[in-house]
Amino acid sequence: MHKTILITGATDGIGLATAKTLTKLGHRVLLHGRSATKLAQAQKAVAQAANKSDSAIEVFLADLSTMDAVRALVTAVLAKHIHLDVLINNAGIFKTTQPITPDGFDVRFAVNTLAPYLLTQQLLPIIPRQGRVINLSSAAQAPVNLEALVGTVKIADDFTAYAQSKLAITAWSRQLATTLASAGPIIIAVNPGSMLGSKMVQEGFGVQGGDLNIGADILCRAALADEFLDATGKYFDNDAKCFAPPHPDALDSQKSNAIVETIEHLLNPS
């Protein structure tokens, strides 16, 4: 059965490769991007890969570094869809010359942690119990400084901020899966593979990187395959090619609860 799938950060890298594959398989893929020019290019590339017209590929423009833009994205999606089978929270940022967002957050936490949490929560009403939320984690995970998450403490280097943001999304994935339980949907954190050839890797580490299809293949499996039907709350490490324990802090319910409570306070201060 063909599914409706929203992929954030689908204008290049693993997101674009995943969108091409899923569209070629006949699924209805909704593309998100933050650049109108790159979004139009991605729309054309996905359409060509699937032998479709450009207009057959839906696109949504939003800068996920601001929470108002995330809410506007939700409104735009809900205006067109009453059902979403899969949400792939792929958008991410590592290295930047503007580390602080207009909301006062480190941009890595904003894009990699807060935006996917808010997007997921607000789209839950249209994701069925058997639907799936795939959250992009990473092999790079580091203990979360809650003051840095709030924005009262600045993180000195890009890698530390990125690693903390990826532990945070892994932790809230597990916590939300536990809270929803059998009410669903299935929520899975995935490390798509280390040092794959995305723009993020190329700009952040100055290397060409590996085959993007390694990451795209595991995201497609996580979105569609039966092997993930009982995987809610789990972490899939594509470097190891199996489910594996994430950083110990993501398995610590007290620390994970503190992360989720902080996120909730930031997104719903009243």
C-alpha atoms as a PDB file:
ATOM      1  CA  MET A   1       0.000   0.000   0.000  1.00  0.00           C
ATOM      2  CA  HIS A   2       1.357   3.384  -0.965  1.00  0.00           C
ATOM      3  CA  LYS A   3       2.017   5.775   1.910  1.00  0.00           C
ATOM      4  CA  THR A   4       2.114   9.521   2.472  1.00  0.00           C
ATOM      5  CA  ILE A   5       5.532  10.475   3.833  1.00  0.00           C
ATOM      6  CA  LEU A   6       6.879  13.856   4.946  1.00  0.00           C
ATOM      7  CA  ILE A   7      10.662  14.276   4.856  1.00  0.00           C
ATOM      8  CA  THR A   8      12.239  17.356   6.382  1.00  0.00           C
ATOM      9  CA  GLY A   9      15.531  18.574   4.968  1.00  0.00           C
ATOM     10  CA  ALA A  10      14.788  16.888   1.654  1.00  0.00           C
ATOM     11  CA  THR A  11      16.632  19.275  -0.667  1.00  0.00           C
ATOM     12  CA  ASP A  12      19.985  17.490  -0.583  1.00  0.00           C
ATOM     13  CA  GLY A  13      21.979  14.717   1.034  1.00  0.00           C
ATOM     14  CA  ILE A  14      20.293  11.721   2.619  1.00  0.00           C
ATOM     15  CA  GLY A  15      16.905  13.432   2.638  1.00  0.00           C
ATOM     16  CA  LEU A  16      16.887  13.946  -1.124  1.00  0.00           C
ATOM     17  CA  ALA A  17      18.197  10.447  -1.819  1.00  0.00           C
ATOM     18  CA  THR A  18      15.483   8.994   0.423  1.00  0.00           C
ATOM     19  CA  ALA A  19      12.798  11.079  -1.271  1.00  0.00           C
ATOM     20  CA  LYS A  20      13.862   9.839  -4.697  1.00  0.00           C
ATOM     21  CA  THR A  21      13.779   6.207  -3.633  1.00  0.00           C
ATOM     22  CA  LEU A  22      10.418   6.402  -1.876  1.00  0.00           C
ATOM     23  CA  THR A  23       8.819   8.301  -4.750  1.00  0.00           C
ATOM     24  CA  LYS A  24      10.116   5.776  -7.281  1.00  0.00           C
ATOM     25  CA  LEU A  25       8.460   3.085  -5.143  1.00  0.00           C
ATOM     26  CA  GLY A  26       5.148   4.856  -5.653  1.00  0.00           C
ATOM     27  CA  HIS A  27       4.766   6.611  -2.313  1.00  0.00           C
ATOM     28  CA  ARG A  28       3.483  10.151  -1.958  1.00  0.00           C
ATOM     29  CA  VAL A  29       6.459  12.071  -0.615  1.00  0.00           C
ATOM     30  CA  LEU A  30       6.126  15.591   0.756  1.00  0.00           C
ATOM     31  CA  LEU A  31       9.381  17.512   0.481  1.00  0.00           C
ATOM     32  CA  HIS A  32      10.438  20.127   3.017  1.00  0.00           C
ATOM     33  CA  GLY A  33      13.279  22.609   2.595  1.00  0.00           C
ATOM     34  CA  ARG A  34      14.352  26.032   3.849  1.00  0.00           C
ATOM     35  CA  SER A  35      15.517  27.441   0.497  1.00  0.00           C
ATOM     36  CA  ALA A  36      12.920  28.092  -2.189  1.00  0.00           C
ATOM     37  CA  THR A  37      15.526  27.670  -4.926  1.00  0.00           C
ATOM     38  CA  LYS A  38      16.849  24.372  -3.589  1.00  0.00           C
ATOM     39  CA  LEU A  39      13.328  23.142  -2.922  1.00  0.00           C
ATOM     40  CA  ALA A  40      12.378  23.750  -6.552  1.00  0.00           C
ATOM     41  CA  GLN A  41      15.515  21.916  -7.675  1.00  0.00           C
ATOM     42  CA  ALA A  42      14.723  18.995  -5.373  1.00  0.00           C
ATOM     43  CA  GLN A  43      11.143  18.891  -6.640  1.00  0.00           C
ATOM     44  CA  LYS A  44      12.434  18.585 -10.203  1.00  0.00           C
ATOM     45  CA  ALA A  45      15.046  15.970  -9.277  1.00  0.00           C
ATOM     46  CA  VAL A  46      12.532  13.783  -7.430  1.00  0.00           C
ATOM     47  CA  ALA A  47      10.005  14.124 -10.232  1.00  0.00           C
ATOM     48  CA  GLN A  48      12.591  13.097 -12.825  1.00  0.00           C
ATOM     49  CA  ALA A  49      13.736  10.134 -10.737  1.00  0.00           C
ATOM     50  CA  ALA A  50      10.159   8.856 -10.532  1.00  0.00           C
ATOM     51  CA  ASN A  51       9.157   9.851 -14.071  1.00  0.00           C
ATOM     52  CA  LYS A  52       6.518  12.254 -12.790  1.00  0.00           C
ATOM     53  CA  SER A  53       5.645  15.872 -13.498  1.00  0.00           C
ATOM     54  CA  ASP A  54       7.144  18.472 -11.173  1.00  0.00           C
ATOM     55  CA  SER A  55       3.668  19.497 -10.029  1.00  0.00           C
ATOM     56  CA  ALA A  56       3.017  15.957  -8.766  1.00  0.00           C
ATOM     57  CA  ILE A  57       5.618  16.451  -6.028  1.00  0.00           C
ATOM     58  CA  GLU A  58       4.410  18.524  -3.074  1.00  0.00           C
ATOM     59  CA  VAL A  59       6.838  20.937  -1.447  1.00  0.00           C
ATOM     60  CA  PHE A  60       6.786  22.866   1.826  1.00  0.00           C
ATOM     61  CA  LEU A  61       9.052  25.810   2.609  1.00  0.00           C
ATOM     62  CA  ALA A  62      10.095  26.532   6.222  1.00  0.00           C
ATOM     63  CA  ASP A  63      13.182  27.510   8.194  1.00  0.00           C
ATOM     64  CA  LEU A  64      13.139  25.059  11.097  1.00  0.00           C
ATOM     65  CA  SER A  65      15.491  27.178  13.189  1.00  0.00           C
ATOM     66  CA  THR A  66      12.480  29.187  14.385  1.00  0.00           C
ATOM     67  CA  MET A  67       9.561  27.560  16.143  1.00  0.00           C
ATOM     68  CA  ASP A  68       7.034  29.924  14.543  1.00  0.00           C
ATOM     69  CA  ALA A  69       8.152  28.585  11.171  1.00  0.00           C
ATOM     70  CA  VAL A  70       7.695  25.020  12.413  1.00  0.00           C
ATOM     71  CA  ARG A  71       4.141  25.852  13.480  1.00  0.00           C
ATOM     72  CA  ALA A  72       3.505  27.434  10.088  1.00  0.00           C
ATOM     73  CA  LEU A  73       4.780  24.250   8.423  1.00  0.00           C
ATOM     74  CA  VAL A  74       2.328  22.211  10.479  1.00  0.00           C
ATOM     75  CA  THR A  75      -0.500  24.503   9.411  1.00  0.00           C
ATOM     76  CA  ALA A  76       0.501  24.134   5.753  1.00  0.00           C
ATOM     77  CA  VAL A  77       0.640  20.338   5.968  1.00  0.00           C
ATOM     78  CA  LEU A  78      -2.683  20.090   7.818  1.00  0.00           C
ATOM     79  CA  ALA A  79      -4.319  22.316   5.217  1.00  0.00           C
ATOM     80  CA  LYS A  80      -3.627  19.660   2.581  1.00  0.00           C
ATOM     81  CA  HIS A  81      -3.560  16.375   4.466  1.00  0.00           C
ATOM     82  CA  ILE A  82      -5.703  14.588   7.009  1.00  0.00           C
ATOM     83  CA  HIS A  83      -3.478  11.500   7.056  1.00  0.00           C
ATOM     84  CA  LEU A  84       0.288  11.062   7.290  1.00  0.00           C
ATOM     85  CA  ASP A  85       1.789   7.573   7.397  1.00  0.00           C
ATOM     86  CA  VAL A  86       5.417   8.465   8.043  1.00  0.00           C
ATOM     87  CA  LEU A  87       7.287  11.507   9.301  1.00  0.00           C
ATOM     88  CA  ILE A  88      11.046  11.460   8.710  1.00  0.00           C
ATOM     89  CA  ASN A  89      12.709  14.161  10.803  1.00  0.00           C
ATOM     90  CA  ASN A  90      15.845  14.363   8.694  1.00  0.00           C
ATOM     91  CA  ALA A  91      16.657  18.090   8.685  1.00  0.00           C
ATOM     92  CA  GLY A  92      19.817  18.861  10.595  1.00  0.00           C
ATOM     93  CA  ILE A  93      22.634  21.342  11.024  1.00  0.00           C
ATOM     94  CA  PHE A  94      26.184  20.956  12.247  1.00  0.00           C
ATOM     95  CA  LYS A  95      28.504  23.843  11.379  1.00  0.00           C
ATOM     96  CA  THR A  96      27.250  27.416  11.083  1.00  0.00           C
ATOM     97  CA  THR A  97      28.408  31.018  11.272  1.00  0.00           C
ATOM     98  CA  GLN A  98      25.162  31.957  13.064  1.00  0.00           C
ATOM     99  CA  PRO A  99      24.926  29.612  16.054  1.00  0.00           C
ATOM    100  CA  ILE A 100      22.172  31.516  17.883  1.00  0.00           C
ATOM    101  CA  THR A 101      18.629  31.676  16.525  1.00  0.00           C
ATOM    102  CA  PRO A 102      16.248  34.645  16.819  1.00  0.00           C
ATOM    103  CA  ASP A 103      14.554  32.688  19.625  1.00  0.00           C
ATOM    104  CA  GLY A 104      17.847  32.629  21.544  1.00  0.00           C
ATOM    105  CA  PHE A 105      18.567  28.905  21.106  1.00  0.00           C
ATOM    106  CA  ASP A 106      21.687  27.238  19.813  1.00  0.00           C
ATOM    107  CA  VAL A 107      20.729  26.488  16.219  1.00  0.00           C
ATOM    108  CA  ARG A 108      21.772  22.829  16.569  1.00  0.00           C
ATOM    109  CA  PHE A 109      19.284  22.339  19.390  1.00  0.00           C
ATOM    110  CA  ALA A 110      16.640  24.326  17.498  1.00  0.00           C
ATOM    111  CA  VAL A 111      16.851  22.387  14.229  1.00  0.00           C
ATOM    112  CA  ASN A 112      18.039  18.981  15.424  1.00  0.00           C
ATOM    113  CA  THR A 113      16.005  18.648  18.635  1.00  0.00           C
ATOM    114  CA  LEU A 114      13.259  21.215  19.208  1.00  0.00           C
ATOM    115  CA  ALA A 115      11.852  21.487  15.672  1.00  0.00           C
ATOM    116  CA  PRO A 116      11.372  17.723  15.193  1.00  0.00           C
ATOM    117  CA  TYR A 117       9.797  17.435  18.650  1.00  0.00           C
ATOM    118  CA  LEU A 118       7.324  20.231  17.920  1.00  0.00           C
ATOM    119  CA  LEU A 119       6.605  18.969  14.416  1.00  0.00           C
ATOM    120  CA  THR A 120       5.996  15.456  15.687  1.00  0.00           C
ATOM    121  CA  GLN A 121       3.736  16.539  18.532  1.00  0.00           C
ATOM    122  CA  GLN A 122       1.594  18.742  16.312  1.00  0.00           C
ATOM    123  CA  LEU A 123       1.290  16.171  13.520  1.00  0.00           C
ATOM    124  CA  LEU A 124       0.499  13.247  15.840  1.00  0.00           C
ATOM    125  CA  PRO A 125      -3.275  13.664  15.355  1.00  0.00           C
ATOM    126  CA  ILE A 126      -2.970  12.705  11.667  1.00  0.00           C
ATOM    127  CA  ILE A 127      -0.392   9.904  12.096  1.00  0.00           C
ATOM    128  CA  PRO A 128      -2.140   6.567  12.666  1.00  0.00           C
ATOM    129  CA  ARG A 129      -1.255   4.111  15.414  1.00  0.00           C
ATOM    130  CA  GLN A 130       0.615   1.963  12.900  1.00  0.00           C
ATOM    131  CA  GLY A 131       2.373   5.003  11.418  1.00  0.00           C
ATOM    132  CA  ARG A 132       6.023   5.802  11.987  1.00  0.00           C
ATOM    133  CA  VAL A 133       8.186   8.711  13.103  1.00  0.00           C
ATOM    134  CA  ILE A 134      11.818   8.324  12.086  1.00  0.00           C
ATOM    135  CA  ASN A 135      14.202  10.650  13.914  1.00  0.00           C
ATOM    136  CA  LEU A 136      17.713  11.217  12.625  1.00  0.00           C
ATOM    137  CA  SER A 137      20.207  10.584  15.373  1.00  0.00           C
ATOM    138  CA  SER A 138      23.968  10.119  15.039  1.00  0.00           C
ATOM    139  CA  ALA A 139      26.883   8.121  16.343  1.00  0.00           C
ATOM    140  CA  ALA A 140      27.943  11.455  17.841  1.00  0.00           C
ATOM    141  CA  GLN A 141      26.043  11.720  21.123  1.00  0.00           C
ATOM    142  CA  ALA A 142      27.106  13.663  24.222  1.00  0.00           C
ATOM    143  CA  PRO A 143      25.486  14.414  27.609  1.00  0.00           C
ATOM    144  CA  VAL A 144      23.042  17.309  27.335  1.00  0.00           C
ATOM    145  CA  ASN A 145      23.734  20.514  29.219  1.00  0.00           C
ATOM    146  CA  LEU A 146      20.197  21.664  29.997  1.00  0.00           C
ATOM    147  CA  GLU A 147      21.344  25.270  30.321  1.00  0.00           C
ATOM    148  CA  ALA A 148      22.747  25.043  26.794  1.00  0.00           C
ATOM    149  CA  LEU A 149      19.443  23.560  25.608  1.00  0.00           C
ATOM    150  CA  VAL A 150      17.599  26.501  27.167  1.00  0.00           C
ATOM    151  CA  GLY A 151      20.081  28.931  25.663  1.00  0.00           C
ATOM    152  CA  THR A 152      21.442  30.482  28.852  1.00  0.00           C
ATOM    153  CA  VAL A 153      24.863  28.883  28.260  1.00  0.00           C
ATOM    154  CA  LYS A 154      26.622  28.960  24.895  1.00  0.00           C
ATOM    155  CA  ILE A 155      28.444  25.883  23.608  1.00  0.00           C
ATOM    156  CA  ALA A 156      31.943  26.679  22.409  1.00  0.00           C
ATOM    157  CA  ASP A 157      32.305  24.329  19.454  1.00  0.00           C
ATOM    158  CA  ASP A 158      30.114  22.935  16.681  1.00  0.00           C
ATOM    159  CA  PHE A 159      30.762  19.249  17.347  1.00  0.00           C
ATOM    160  CA  THR A 160      29.785  19.441  21.024  1.00  0.00           C
ATOM    161  CA  ALA A 161      26.562  21.299  20.222  1.00  0.00           C
ATOM    162  CA  TYR A 162      25.721  18.805  17.480  1.00  0.00           C
ATOM    163  CA  ALA A 163      26.451  15.767  19.650  1.00  0.00           C
ATOM    164  CA  GLN A 164      24.321  17.101  22.496  1.00  0.00           C
ATOM    165  CA  SER A 165      21.445  17.835  20.122  1.00  0.00           C
ATOM    166  CA  LYS A 166      21.590  14.284  18.773  1.00  0.00           C
ATOM    167  CA  LEU A 167      21.547  12.743  22.232  1.00  0.00           C
ATOM    168  CA  ALA A 168      18.563  14.964  23.026  1.00  0.00           C
ATOM    169  CA  ILE A 169      16.535  13.764  20.012  1.00  0.00           C
ATOM    170  CA  THR A 170      17.440  10.164  20.814  1.00  0.00           C
ATOM    171  CA  ALA A 171      16.292  10.641  24.407  1.00  0.00           C
ATOM    172  CA  TRP A 172      12.973  12.253  23.555  1.00  0.00           C
ATOM    173  CA  SER A 173      12.300   9.618  20.905  1.00  0.00           C
ATOM    174  CA  ARG A 174      12.515   6.916  23.555  1.00  0.00           C
ATOM    175  CA  GLN A 175      10.499   8.902  26.089  1.00  0.00           C
ATOM    176  CA  LEU A 176       7.696   9.730  23.654  1.00  0.00           C
ATOM    177  CA  ALA A 177       7.546   6.128  22.483  1.00  0.00           C
ATOM    178  CA  THR A 178       7.194   5.021  26.101  1.00  0.00           C
ATOM    179  CA  THR A 179       4.469   7.588  26.763  1.00  0.00           C
ATOM    180  CA  LEU A 180       2.444   6.695  23.671  1.00  0.00           C
ATOM    181  CA  ALA A 181       3.054   2.943  24.015  1.00  0.00           C
ATOM    182  CA  SER A 182       0.550   0.900  21.996  1.00  0.00           C
ATOM    183  CA  ALA A 183      -1.394   4.035  21.055  1.00  0.00           C
ATOM    184  CA  GLY A 184       1.428   4.625  18.589  1.00  0.00           C
ATOM    185  CA  PRO A 185       2.834   5.663  16.257  1.00  0.00           C
ATOM    186  CA  ILE A 186       6.141   3.786  16.122  1.00  0.00           C
ATOM    187  CA  ILE A 187       8.981   6.172  16.998  1.00  0.00           C
ATOM    188  CA  ILE A 188      12.525   5.201  16.074  1.00  0.00           C
ATOM    189  CA  ALA A 189      15.850   7.015  16.370  1.00  0.00           C
ATOM    190  CA  VAL A 190      18.279   6.119  13.590  1.00  0.00           C
ATOM    191  CA  ASN A 191      21.954   6.761  13.049  1.00  0.00           C
ATOM    192  CA  PRO A 192      21.933   6.585   9.225  1.00  0.00           C
ATOM    193  CA  GLY A 193      25.689   6.025   9.055  1.00  0.00           C
ATOM    194  CA  SER A 194      28.775   7.983   9.984  1.00  0.00           C
ATOM    195  CA  MET A 195      30.600  10.315   7.619  1.00  0.00           C
ATOM    196  CA  LEU A 196      28.287   9.839   4.639  1.00  0.00           C
ATOM    197  CA  GLY A 197      28.764  12.292   1.785  1.00  0.00           C
ATOM    198  CA  SER A 198      26.243  14.958   2.753  1.00  0.00           C
ATOM    199  CA  LYS A 199      26.861  18.695   2.580  1.00  0.00           C
ATOM    200  CA  MET A 200      26.919  18.677   6.380  1.00  0.00           C
ATOM    201  CA  VAL A 201      29.829  16.224   6.449  1.00  0.00           C
ATOM    202  CA  GLN A 202      31.672  17.902   3.610  1.00  0.00           C
ATOM    203  CA  GLU A 203      31.428  21.362   5.163  1.00  0.00           C
ATOM    204  CA  GLY A 204      31.903  20.209   8.738  1.00  0.00           C
ATOM    205  CA  PHE A 205      34.805  17.821   8.280  1.00  0.00           C
ATOM    206  CA  GLY A 206      36.265  18.712   4.886  1.00  0.00           C
ATOM    207  CA  VAL A 207      35.930  15.191   3.483  1.00  0.00           C
ATOM    208  CA  GLN A 208      33.939  13.803   0.568  1.00  0.00           C
ATOM    209  CA  GLY A 209      32.191  11.188   2.680  1.00  0.00           C
ATOM    210  CA  GLY A 210      30.623   7.850   1.861  1.00  0.00           C
ATOM    211  CA  ASP A 211      27.693   6.742  -0.294  1.00  0.00           C
ATOM    212  CA  LEU A 212      24.525   8.628   0.628  1.00  0.00           C
ATOM    213  CA  ASN A 213      22.449   5.621  -0.401  1.00  0.00           C
ATOM    214  CA  ILE A 214      23.686   3.823   2.721  1.00  0.00           C
ATOM    215  CA  GLY A 215      21.694   6.351   4.743  1.00  0.00           C
ATOM    216  CA  ALA A 216      18.764   6.496   2.348  1.00  0.00           C
ATOM    217  CA  ASP A 217      18.394   2.712   2.360  1.00  0.00           C
ATOM    218  CA  ILE A 218      18.096   2.481   6.145  1.00  0.00           C
ATOM    219  CA  LEU A 219      15.606   5.359   6.295  1.00  0.00           C
ATOM    220  CA  CYS A 220      13.457   3.630   3.674  1.00  0.00           C
ATOM    221  CA  ARG A 221      13.620   0.393   5.651  1.00  0.00           C
ATOM    222  CA  ALA A 222      12.726   2.184   8.871  1.00  0.00           C
ATOM    223  CA  ALA A 223       9.776   3.815   7.127  1.00  0.00           C
ATOM    224  CA  LEU A 224       8.430   0.719   5.398  1.00  0.00           C
ATOM    225  CA  ALA A 225       9.901  -2.610   6.492  1.00  0.00           C
ATOM    226  CA  ASP A 226       8.239  -5.092   8.839  1.00  0.00           C
ATOM    227  CA  GLU A 227      11.501  -5.471  10.793  1.00  0.00           C
ATOM    228  CA  PHE A 228      10.697  -2.105  12.422  1.00  0.00           C
ATOM    229  CA  LEU A 229       7.112  -2.921  13.416  1.00  0.00           C
ATOM    230  CA  ASP A 230       8.098  -3.599  17.032  1.00  0.00           C
ATOM    231  CA  ALA A 231      10.939  -1.081  17.171  1.00  0.00           C
ATOM    232  CA  THR A 232       9.234   1.815  18.894  1.00  0.00           C
ATOM    233  CA  GLY A 233      11.567   3.491  21.350  1.00  0.00           C
ATOM    234  CA  LYS A 234      14.613   1.728  19.935  1.00  0.00           C
ATOM    235  CA  TYR A 235      17.804   3.112  18.409  1.00  0.00           C
ATOM    236  CA  PHE A 236      19.130   1.693  15.147  1.00  0.00           C
ATOM    237  CA  ASP A 237      22.846   2.110  14.572  1.00  0.00           C
ATOM    238  CA  ASN A 238      23.516   1.754  10.854  1.00  0.00           C
ATOM    239  CA  ASP A 239      27.262   1.675  11.466  1.00  0.00           C
ATOM    240  CA  ALA A 240      26.718  -1.592  13.333  1.00  0.00           C
ATOM    241  CA  LYS A 241      23.802  -2.567  11.025  1.00  0.00           C
ATOM    242  CA  CYS A 242      21.566  -3.417  13.962  1.00  0.00           C
ATOM    243  CA  PHE A 243      19.560  -2.114  16.903  1.00  0.00           C
ATOM    244  CA  ALA A 244      21.988  -1.087  19.606  1.00  0.00           C
ATOM    245  CA  PRO A 245      22.126   0.866  22.856  1.00  0.00           C
ATOM    246  CA  PRO A 246      22.449   4.628  22.378  1.00  0.00           C
ATOM    247  CA  HIS A 247      24.488   6.787  24.740  1.00  0.00           C
ATOM    248  CA  PRO A 248      23.707   5.696  28.348  1.00  0.00           C
ATOM    249  CA  ASP A 249      22.069   9.060  29.098  1.00  0.00           C
ATOM    250  CA  ALA A 250      19.361   8.274  26.525  1.00  0.00           C
ATOM    251  CA  LEU A 251      18.528   5.150  28.517  1.00  0.00           C
ATOM    252  CA  ASP A 252      18.438   7.024  31.825  1.00  0.00           C
ATOM    253  CA  SER A 253      14.779   7.826  32.445  1.00  0.00           C
ATOM    254  CA  GLN A 254      15.558  10.611  34.920  1.00  0.00           C
ATOM    255  CA  LYS A 255      17.900  12.411  32.527  1.00  0.00           C
ATOM    256  CA  SER A 256      15.584  11.822  29.567  1.00  0.00           C
ATOM    257  CA  ASN A 257      12.593  13.132  31.500  1.00  0.00           C
ATOM    258  CA  ALA A 258      14.572  16.255  32.352  1.00  0.00           C
ATOM    259  CA  ILE A 259      15.321  16.794  28.657  1.00  0.00           C
ATOM    260  CA  VAL A 260      11.670  16.358  27.667  1.00  0.00           C
ATOM    261  CA  GLU A 261      10.444  18.608  30.487  1.00  0.00           C
ATOM    262  CA  THR A 262      12.904  21.292  29.394  1.00  0.00           C
ATOM    263  CA  ILE A 263      11.788  21.005  25.763  1.00  0.00           C
ATOM    264  CA  GLU A 264       8.149  21.234  26.799  1.00  0.00           C
ATOM    265  CA  HIS A 265       8.851  24.326  28.869  1.00  0.00           C
ATOM    266  CA  LEU A 266      10.689  25.986  25.982  1.00  0.00           C
ATOM    267  CA  LEU A 267       7.934  25.260  23.480  1.00  0.00           C
ATOM    268  CA  ASN A 268       5.014  25.879  25.843  1.00  0.00           C
ATOM    269  CA  PRO A 269       6.290  28.488  28.363  1.00  0.00           C
ATOM    270  CA  SER A 270       2.827  29.405  29.622  1.00  0.00           C
END
